[in-house]
Amino acid sequence: MYRFYLKQGETQFLFPVTPSQVQTKVGNCNETVQILQMGQANLLKNAGLEEVRFRALFPGRQYHFVQVEEGFREPSYFLERLKDYKKAQKPVQLIIFRRLADGSQIFCSNVEMGLEEYTIVEQGGEQGDFWVEISLKEYRKMQSIAYRPASGGNTLEKQPAQRPAKEMAKTYVVKKGDNLWNIAKKELGDGSKFGELAKKNGISNPSLIYPGQVIKL
């Protein structure tokens, strides 16, 4: 079973229905040039930005295949989160946990991306259900370099580097055999802080955590 999360800052949600298909495209930055007496040549460069597209279902009722963590949520909840993420003009984290039918877990993804666009579709015969086509593009942090005229001359001198942007909140992925006390001990250095973790993640019963769950630290 695959589990998809979208996260921005302290806010995240689990897609109630895992998309049936995910399309990942790696952008191209290679350049074709014309060289005299040789013809065309391909200048190989670094890969372009990665793009991810998928179609998600936000159901209007709790079908048997709907995944929930904090109870069933109406489609309006997820549509509002997407609107908030877009308006914030900040990157989001696309987190994918991949578990096979036999229970074994293969590689997981946690990629910082920009929410490029999304299209909301309502289909006849599916009253209350909303389909959303989502497009994301890889986000790479940029550090600008500012220059100013050097005193008494026409040259430029480099200004001090700006303070980097605040890092996004850290998370921990629950593994088999974990409990909140051990996680608090390992990640926060104090097992007695398990209550703080439970409150921060809206966990009413600290013993009810499961492998693959994302815990905000």
Protein backbone atom coordinates (compact mmCIF):
# COMPACT_ATOMS: atom_id res chain seq x y z
CA MET A 1 0.00 0.00 0.00
CA TYR A 2 1.27 3.44 -0.93
CA ARG A 3 0.62 6.47 1.28
CA PHE A 4 0.85 10.02 -0.09
CA TYR A 5 1.34 13.09 2.10
CA LEU A 6 1.52 16.77 1.21
CA LYS A 7 3.17 18.99 3.82
CA GLN A 8 3.95 22.67 4.23
CA GLY A 9 5.47 23.92 7.48
CA GLU A 10 3.52 22.45 10.39
CA THR A 11 0.52 21.47 8.24
CA GLN A 12 0.26 18.16 6.41
CA PHE A 13 -2.43 15.81 5.17
CA LEU A 14 -2.68 12.24 3.98
CA PHE A 15 -4.39 11.76 0.62
CA PRO A 16 -7.52 9.75 1.50
CA VAL A 17 -7.22 7.69 -1.69
CA THR A 18 -3.82 6.77 -3.10
CA PRO A 19 -3.52 7.99 -6.73
CA SER A 20 -3.71 5.11 -9.19
CA GLN A 21 -0.91 6.57 -11.30
CA VAL A 22 1.96 9.02 -10.73
CA GLN A 23 3.90 10.52 -13.62
CA THR A 24 7.43 11.78 -12.92
CA LYS A 25 9.28 13.71 -15.60
CA VAL A 26 12.94 14.73 -15.39
CA GLY A 27 13.54 17.99 -17.22
CA ASN A 28 16.18 18.44 -19.93
CA CYS A 29 18.82 21.19 -20.05
CA ASN A 30 21.04 19.72 -22.79
CA GLU A 31 21.88 22.08 -25.64
CA THR A 32 22.28 21.30 -29.32
CA VAL A 33 24.87 23.47 -31.11
CA GLN A 34 26.11 23.75 -34.69
CA ILE A 35 29.85 23.27 -35.17
CA LEU A 36 31.59 24.14 -38.44
CA GLN A 37 32.69 21.17 -40.55
CA MET A 38 31.18 18.80 -38.00
CA GLY A 39 27.50 19.50 -37.82
CA GLN A 40 25.36 19.29 -34.74
CA ALA A 41 26.70 18.39 -31.31
CA ASN A 42 24.86 17.76 -28.09
CA LEU A 43 26.23 19.58 -25.03
CA LEU A 44 25.27 17.51 -22.01
CA LYS A 45 24.28 19.46 -18.90
CA ASN A 46 22.75 18.81 -15.51
CA ALA A 47 19.21 17.48 -15.41
CA GLY A 48 16.37 19.98 -15.31
CA LEU A 49 13.76 20.27 -12.61
CA GLU A 50 11.75 17.15 -11.83
CA GLU A 51 8.00 17.37 -12.46
CA VAL A 52 5.34 15.19 -10.83
CA ARG A 53 1.72 14.85 -11.94
CA PHE A 54 -1.09 12.73 -10.54
CA ARG A 55 -4.87 12.67 -10.18
CA ALA A 56 -6.25 12.45 -6.65
CA LEU A 57 -9.73 11.58 -5.39
CA PHE A 58 -11.21 13.44 -2.44
CA PRO A 59 -14.33 11.36 -1.68
CA GLY A 60 -17.55 12.79 -0.29
CA ARG A 61 -18.22 9.67 1.79
CA GLN A 62 -16.11 7.10 3.60
CA TYR A 63 -15.71 4.26 1.12
CA HIS A 64 -14.01 1.07 2.31
CA PHE A 65 -10.77 2.02 0.53
CA VAL A 66 -10.43 5.50 2.10
CA GLN A 67 -7.33 5.98 4.30
CA VAL A 68 -7.75 8.13 7.41
CA GLU A 69 -5.53 9.15 10.32
CA GLU A 70 -7.64 11.61 12.31
CA GLY A 71 -11.10 10.61 11.15
CA PHE A 72 -12.90 11.12 7.85
CA ARG A 73 -12.64 14.61 6.34
CA GLU A 74 -14.88 16.21 3.73
CA PRO A 75 -13.38 17.18 0.34
CA SER A 76 -13.61 20.86 1.30
CA TYR A 77 -10.88 20.30 3.92
CA PHE A 78 -8.35 19.13 1.33
CA LEU A 79 -9.35 21.79 -1.20
CA GLU A 80 -8.80 24.49 1.42
CA ARG A 81 -5.36 23.06 2.27
CA LEU A 82 -4.36 23.16 -1.41
CA LYS A 83 -5.57 26.74 -1.64
CA ASP A 84 -3.58 27.69 1.47
CA TYR A 85 -0.43 25.98 0.17
CA LYS A 86 -0.69 27.86 -3.12
CA LYS A 87 -1.37 31.23 -1.50
CA ALA A 88 1.58 30.83 0.88
CA GLN A 89 4.05 30.99 -2.04
CA LYS A 90 6.28 28.47 -0.27
CA PRO A 91 7.43 24.98 -1.29
CA VAL A 92 5.62 21.85 -0.16
CA GLN A 93 6.97 18.41 0.67
CA LEU A 94 5.63 15.46 -1.33
CA ILE A 95 6.13 12.39 0.86
CA ILE A 96 5.47 8.91 -0.55
CA PHE A 97 5.72 5.69 1.46
CA ARG A 98 5.88 2.59 -0.71
CA ARG A 99 4.89 -0.72 0.89
CA LEU A 100 4.33 -3.88 -1.15
CA ALA A 101 1.45 -6.34 -0.72
CA ASP A 102 3.66 -8.68 1.35
CA GLY A 103 4.29 -5.90 3.87
CA SER A 104 7.87 -5.15 2.84
CA GLN A 105 8.74 -1.48 2.39
CA ILE A 106 10.73 -0.25 -0.58
CA PHE A 107 12.27 3.18 -0.98
CA CYS A 108 10.37 6.25 0.19
CA SER A 109 10.38 9.76 -1.26
CA ASN A 110 10.45 13.12 0.48
CA VAL A 111 10.91 15.86 -2.11
CA GLU A 112 10.55 19.62 -1.72
CA MET A 113 8.44 20.92 -4.61
CA GLY A 114 6.46 23.89 -5.80
CA LEU A 115 2.71 23.46 -6.18
CA GLU A 116 2.47 24.59 -9.80
CA GLU A 117 -1.23 24.16 -10.53
CA TYR A 118 -4.22 21.97 -9.80
CA THR A 119 -7.53 21.41 -11.56
CA ILE A 120 -10.71 20.43 -9.72
CA VAL A 121 -13.10 18.11 -11.56
CA GLU A 122 -16.62 17.01 -10.58
CA GLN A 123 -18.00 14.08 -12.57
CA GLY A 124 -21.59 13.14 -13.22
CA GLY A 125 -22.79 10.17 -11.20
CA GLU A 126 -20.20 10.80 -8.46
CA GLN A 127 -22.01 13.39 -6.39
CA GLY A 128 -19.96 14.63 -3.49
CA ASP A 129 -16.68 13.28 -4.87
CA PHE A 130 -13.99 15.62 -6.19
CA TRP A 131 -11.12 14.69 -8.52
CA VAL A 132 -8.09 16.98 -8.47
CA GLU A 133 -5.34 16.91 -11.09
CA ILE A 134 -2.17 18.12 -9.36
CA SER A 135 1.09 19.32 -10.91
CA LEU A 136 4.25 19.88 -8.88
CA LYS A 137 7.76 20.92 -9.85
CA GLU A 138 11.01 20.35 -7.97
CA TYR A 139 12.10 23.25 -5.76
CA ARG A 140 15.77 24.17 -5.45
CA LYS A 141 16.84 26.74 -2.89
CA MET A 142 18.62 29.73 -4.38
CA GLN A 143 21.14 32.00 -2.73
CA SER A 144 21.43 35.40 -4.31
CA ILE A 145 24.79 37.19 -4.41
CA ALA A 146 24.57 40.96 -4.16
CA TYR A 147 27.31 43.35 -5.28
CA ARG A 148 27.79 47.05 -4.58
CA PRO A 149 30.19 49.65 -6.00
CA ALA A 150 33.51 49.57 -4.17
CA SER A 151 34.37 52.80 -2.37
CA GLY A 152 36.42 55.15 -4.51
CA GLY A 153 36.34 53.08 -7.66
CA ASN A 154 34.34 51.57 -10.49
CA THR A 155 34.69 47.94 -9.41
CA LEU A 156 32.14 45.88 -7.50
CA GLU A 157 32.61 44.16 -4.18
CA LYS A 158 30.64 41.22 -2.87
CA GLN A 159 28.25 41.86 0.00
CA PRO A 160 27.97 39.48 2.98
CA ALA A 161 25.78 36.46 2.32
CA GLN A 162 22.19 36.76 3.44
CA ARG A 163 20.89 34.60 6.26
CA PRO A 164 19.45 31.36 4.83
CA ALA A 165 15.71 30.80 5.03
CA LYS A 166 14.37 28.98 8.07
CA GLU A 167 14.42 25.22 7.60
CA MET A 168 11.16 23.32 7.45
CA ALA A 169 10.07 21.45 10.57
CA LYS A 170 11.70 18.04 11.06
CA THR A 171 9.72 14.82 10.94
CA TYR A 172 10.26 11.19 11.89
CA VAL A 173 8.86 8.14 10.11
CA VAL A 174 7.60 5.49 12.53
CA LYS A 175 9.27 2.09 12.16
CA LYS A 176 8.10 -1.33 13.31
CA GLY A 177 8.52 -1.68 17.08
CA ASP A 178 8.65 2.10 17.71
CA ASN A 179 6.74 3.85 20.46
CA LEU A 180 6.44 7.55 21.29
CA TRP A 181 8.68 7.28 24.36
CA ASN A 182 11.54 5.76 22.34
CA ILE A 183 11.06 8.29 19.55
CA ALA A 184 11.17 11.19 22.02
CA LYS A 185 14.30 9.68 23.64
CA LYS A 186 16.07 9.17 20.32
CA GLU A 187 15.07 12.36 18.51
CA LEU A 188 14.59 14.84 21.38
CA GLY A 189 16.97 13.37 23.94
CA ASP A 190 14.25 12.96 26.57
CA GLY A 191 11.72 10.11 26.59
CA SER A 192 9.44 12.02 28.96
CA LYS A 193 8.61 14.40 26.11
CA PHE A 194 6.45 11.71 24.48
CA GLY A 195 3.37 13.59 25.71
CA GLU A 196 4.47 16.71 23.84
CA LEU A 197 4.86 14.67 20.65
CA ALA A 198 1.40 13.16 21.11
CA LYS A 199 -0.18 16.60 21.59
CA LYS A 200 1.72 18.14 18.68
CA ASN A 201 0.55 15.37 16.32
CA GLY A 202 -3.02 15.13 17.63
CA ILE A 203 -2.50 11.57 18.90
CA SER A 204 -5.08 10.85 21.61
CA ASN A 205 -3.62 7.42 22.48
CA PRO A 206 0.23 7.41 22.41
CA SER A 207 0.27 3.62 22.04
CA LEU A 208 -1.66 3.74 18.75
CA ILE A 209 1.04 4.64 16.24
CA TYR A 210 1.90 2.55 13.21
CA PRO A 211 4.84 1.98 10.83
CA GLY A 212 4.98 4.59 8.08
CA GLN A 213 3.24 7.31 10.13
CA VAL A 214 4.89 10.74 9.93
CA ILE A 215 5.56 12.28 13.35
CA LYS A 216 6.26 16.00 13.61
CA LEU A 217 9.14 16.59 16.04
